[in-house]
Amino acid sequence: MLIKLAAMINLSKDIHSLTEFKRNTTEFLQQIKKTKHPLVLTVNGKAELVVQDAESYQELLDAAELVETLKGIKLGLEQMQQGEGKKAEDFFNELFNKLDSSNE
C-alpha cells in the first residue's frame, strides 16, 4: 500500500467562511477536486469544518491505519526486547486449541 503525504493547507487559499462556501459551492468543489487540498471553513472567524474530496480522505484514513499498525509493531518489538509476550508458536498453539474446543 503506497500512501502519498497530504498537501499542506494553503492559508491564503484554503480557509474560507461557511457563508462564502455556501455562495460558491460549485467553485469550491472544483478547487478541492483540482488541488486535492482540504478547505477549512470558519464560522464567526473560528475554524469549524473541514471539507475534503473523498479520494484524499481515503488516503488520510489509510495513512492513519498504517501509523496505528506501525505503532503496534513497535510496541510488540519493545515488549519482545524486554522479555515480555509469548513465542509465536506458543500463541498459535493456544489459539488453535481454543478454536478447536469452541467448535466441539
C-alpha atoms as a PDB file:
ATOM      1  CA  MET A   1       0.000   0.000   0.000  1.00  0.00           C
ATOM      2  CA  LEU A   2       1.572   3.276  -1.141  1.00  0.00           C
ATOM      3  CA  ILE A   3       0.440   6.387   0.678  1.00  0.00           C
ATOM      4  CA  LYS A   4       1.100   9.907  -0.567  1.00  0.00           C
ATOM      5  CA  LEU A   5       1.587  12.600   2.004  1.00  0.00           C
ATOM      6  CA  ALA A   6      -1.334  15.013   2.037  1.00  0.00           C
ATOM      7  CA  ALA A   7      -0.677  18.518   0.790  1.00  0.00           C
ATOM      8  CA  MET A   8      -0.451  21.186   3.422  1.00  0.00           C
ATOM      9  CA  ILE A   9      -3.259  23.683   3.804  1.00  0.00           C
ATOM     10  CA  ASN A  10      -2.533  26.929   1.988  1.00  0.00           C
ATOM     11  CA  LEU A  11      -3.549  29.597   4.494  1.00  0.00           C
ATOM     12  CA  SER A  12      -4.252  32.173   1.779  1.00  0.00           C
ATOM     13  CA  LYS A  13      -6.366  29.882  -0.427  1.00  0.00           C
ATOM     14  CA  ASP A  14      -7.819  27.111   1.709  1.00  0.00           C
ATOM     15  CA  ILE A  15      -9.533  28.922   4.610  1.00  0.00           C
ATOM     16  CA  HIS A  16     -12.948  30.457   3.915  1.00  0.00           C
ATOM     17  CA  SER A  17     -16.111  31.338   5.735  1.00  0.00           C
ATOM     18  CA  LEU A  18     -19.010  28.922   5.666  1.00  0.00           C
ATOM     19  CA  THR A  19     -21.121  31.690   4.141  1.00  0.00           C
ATOM     20  CA  GLU A  20     -18.670  32.104   1.273  1.00  0.00           C
ATOM     21  CA  PHE A  21     -18.661  28.325   0.749  1.00  0.00           C
ATOM     22  CA  LYS A  22     -22.476  28.266   0.598  1.00  0.00           C
ATOM     23  CA  ARG A  23     -22.483  31.060  -2.003  1.00  0.00           C
ATOM     24  CA  ASN A  24     -19.815  29.452  -4.192  1.00  0.00           C
ATOM     25  CA  THR A  25     -20.152  25.726  -3.526  1.00  0.00           C
ATOM     26  CA  THR A  26     -19.605  24.624  -7.135  1.00  0.00           C
ATOM     27  CA  GLU A  27     -16.394  26.634  -7.493  1.00  0.00           C
ATOM     28  CA  PHE A  28     -15.052  25.410  -4.174  1.00  0.00           C
ATOM     29  CA  LEU A  29     -15.802  21.785  -5.052  1.00  0.00           C
ATOM     30  CA  GLN A  30     -13.938  22.200  -8.337  1.00  0.00           C
ATOM     31  CA  GLN A  31     -10.990  23.692  -6.425  1.00  0.00           C
ATOM     32  CA  ILE A  32     -10.962  20.804  -3.942  1.00  0.00           C
ATOM     33  CA  LYS A  33     -11.012  18.218  -6.735  1.00  0.00           C
ATOM     34  CA  LYS A  34      -8.272  20.034  -8.663  1.00  0.00           C
ATOM     35  CA  THR A  35      -5.862  20.790  -5.810  1.00  0.00           C
ATOM     36  CA  LYS A  36      -6.688  17.849  -3.503  1.00  0.00           C
ATOM     37  CA  HIS A  37      -6.314  20.366  -0.644  1.00  0.00           C
ATOM     38  CA  PRO A  38      -8.959  20.364   2.083  1.00  0.00           C
ATOM     39  CA  LEU A  39     -10.853  23.567   2.800  1.00  0.00           C
ATOM     40  CA  VAL A  40     -11.150  24.892   6.315  1.00  0.00           C
ATOM     41  CA  LEU A  41     -14.484  26.632   6.810  1.00  0.00           C
ATOM     42  CA  THR A  42     -14.933  29.216   9.511  1.00  0.00           C
ATOM     43  CA  VAL A  43     -17.944  30.374  11.485  1.00  0.00           C
ATOM     44  CA  ASN A  44     -17.566  33.746  13.200  1.00  0.00           C
ATOM     45  CA  GLY A  45     -13.857  33.674  12.366  1.00  0.00           C
ATOM     46  CA  LYS A  46     -13.190  30.308  14.051  1.00  0.00           C
ATOM     47  CA  ALA A  47     -12.321  27.117  12.181  1.00  0.00           C
ATOM     48  CA  GLU A  48     -15.375  24.840  12.448  1.00  0.00           C
ATOM     49  CA  LEU A  49     -15.375  22.428   9.481  1.00  0.00           C
ATOM     50  CA  VAL A  50     -13.034  20.761   7.022  1.00  0.00           C
ATOM     51  CA  VAL A  51     -14.265  19.801   3.558  1.00  0.00           C
ATOM     52  CA  GLN A  52     -12.200  17.307   1.607  1.00  0.00           C
ATOM     53  CA  ASP A  53     -12.588  15.206  -1.545  1.00  0.00           C
ATOM     54  CA  ALA A  54     -13.332  11.522  -0.975  1.00  0.00           C
ATOM     55  CA  GLU A  55     -10.098  10.220  -2.530  1.00  0.00           C
ATOM     56  CA  SER A  56      -7.907  12.415  -0.322  1.00  0.00           C
ATOM     57  CA  TYR A  57      -9.976  11.480   2.732  1.00  0.00           C
ATOM     58  CA  GLN A  58      -9.491   7.771   1.970  1.00  0.00           C
ATOM     59  CA  GLU A  59      -5.734   8.375   1.680  1.00  0.00           C
ATOM     60  CA  LEU A  60      -5.838  10.062   5.084  1.00  0.00           C
ATOM     61  CA  LEU A  61      -7.672   7.071   6.589  1.00  0.00           C
ATOM     62  CA  ASP A  62      -5.153   4.678   5.013  1.00  0.00           C
ATOM     63  CA  ALA A  63      -2.245   6.703   6.417  1.00  0.00           C
ATOM     64  CA  ALA A  64      -3.812   6.713   9.886  1.00  0.00           C
ATOM     65  CA  GLU A  65      -4.306   2.940   9.717  1.00  0.00           C
ATOM     66  CA  LEU A  66      -0.671   2.458   8.688  1.00  0.00           C
ATOM     67  CA  VAL A  67       0.516   4.614  11.601  1.00  0.00           C
ATOM     68  CA  GLU A  68      -1.571   2.559  14.053  1.00  0.00           C
ATOM     69  CA  THR A  69      -0.167  -0.670  12.594  1.00  0.00           C
ATOM     70  CA  LEU A  70       3.406   0.597  12.907  1.00  0.00           C
ATOM     71  CA  LYS A  71       2.761   1.696  16.497  1.00  0.00           C
ATOM     72  CA  GLY A  72       1.524  -1.813  17.297  1.00  0.00           C
ATOM     73  CA  ILE A  73       4.565  -3.406  15.692  1.00  0.00           C
ATOM     74  CA  LYS A  74       6.879  -1.050  17.579  1.00  0.00           C
ATOM     75  CA  LEU A  75       5.158  -1.876  20.879  1.00  0.00           C
ATOM     76  CA  GLY A  76       5.419  -5.592  20.162  1.00  0.00           C
ATOM     77  CA  LEU A  77       9.122  -5.312  19.376  1.00  0.00           C
ATOM     78  CA  GLU A  78       9.737  -3.310  22.562  1.00  0.00           C
ATOM     79  CA  GLN A  79       7.869  -5.908  24.625  1.00  0.00           C
ATOM     80  CA  MET A  80       9.825  -8.700  22.961  1.00  0.00           C
ATOM     81  CA  GLN A  81      13.133  -6.968  23.767  1.00  0.00           C
ATOM     82  CA  GLN A  82      12.028  -6.712  27.411  1.00  0.00           C
ATOM     83  CA  GLY A  83      11.298 -10.431  27.506  1.00  0.00           C
ATOM     84  CA  GLU A  84       7.536  -9.950  27.599  1.00  0.00           C
ATOM     85  CA  GLY A  85       4.999 -11.752  25.471  1.00  0.00           C
ATOM     86  CA  LYS A  86       4.999 -15.274  24.035  1.00  0.00           C
ATOM     87  CA  LYS A  87       6.694 -17.109  21.235  1.00  0.00           C
ATOM     88  CA  ALA A  88       4.574 -17.124  18.090  1.00  0.00           C
ATOM     89  CA  GLU A  89       4.484 -20.927  18.120  1.00  0.00           C
ATOM     90  CA  ASP A  90       3.039 -20.965  21.650  1.00  0.00           C
ATOM     91  CA  PHE A  91       0.499 -18.283  20.782  1.00  0.00           C
ATOM     92  CA  PHE A  92      -0.771 -20.088  17.701  1.00  0.00           C
ATOM     93  CA  ASN A  93      -0.930 -23.422  19.511  1.00  0.00           C
ATOM     94  CA  GLU A  94      -3.100 -21.822  22.218  1.00  0.00           C
ATOM     95  CA  LEU A  95      -5.244 -20.080  19.600  1.00  0.00           C
ATOM     96  CA  PHE A  96      -5.840 -23.256  17.595  1.00  0.00           C
ATOM     97  CA  ASN A  97      -6.616 -25.196  20.773  1.00  0.00           C
ATOM     98  CA  LYS A  98      -9.217 -22.586  21.750  1.00  0.00           C
ATOM     99  CA  LEU A  99     -10.730 -22.638  18.262  1.00  0.00           C
ATOM    100  CA  ASP A 100     -10.862 -26.439  18.246  1.00  0.00           C
ATOM    101  CA  SER A 101     -12.514 -26.580  21.663  1.00  0.00           C
ATOM    102  CA  SER A 102     -15.115 -23.942  20.701  1.00  0.00           C
ATOM    103  CA  ASN A 103     -16.140 -25.953  17.615  1.00  0.00           C
ATOM    104  CA  GLU A 104     -16.971 -29.061  19.653  1.00  0.00           C
END
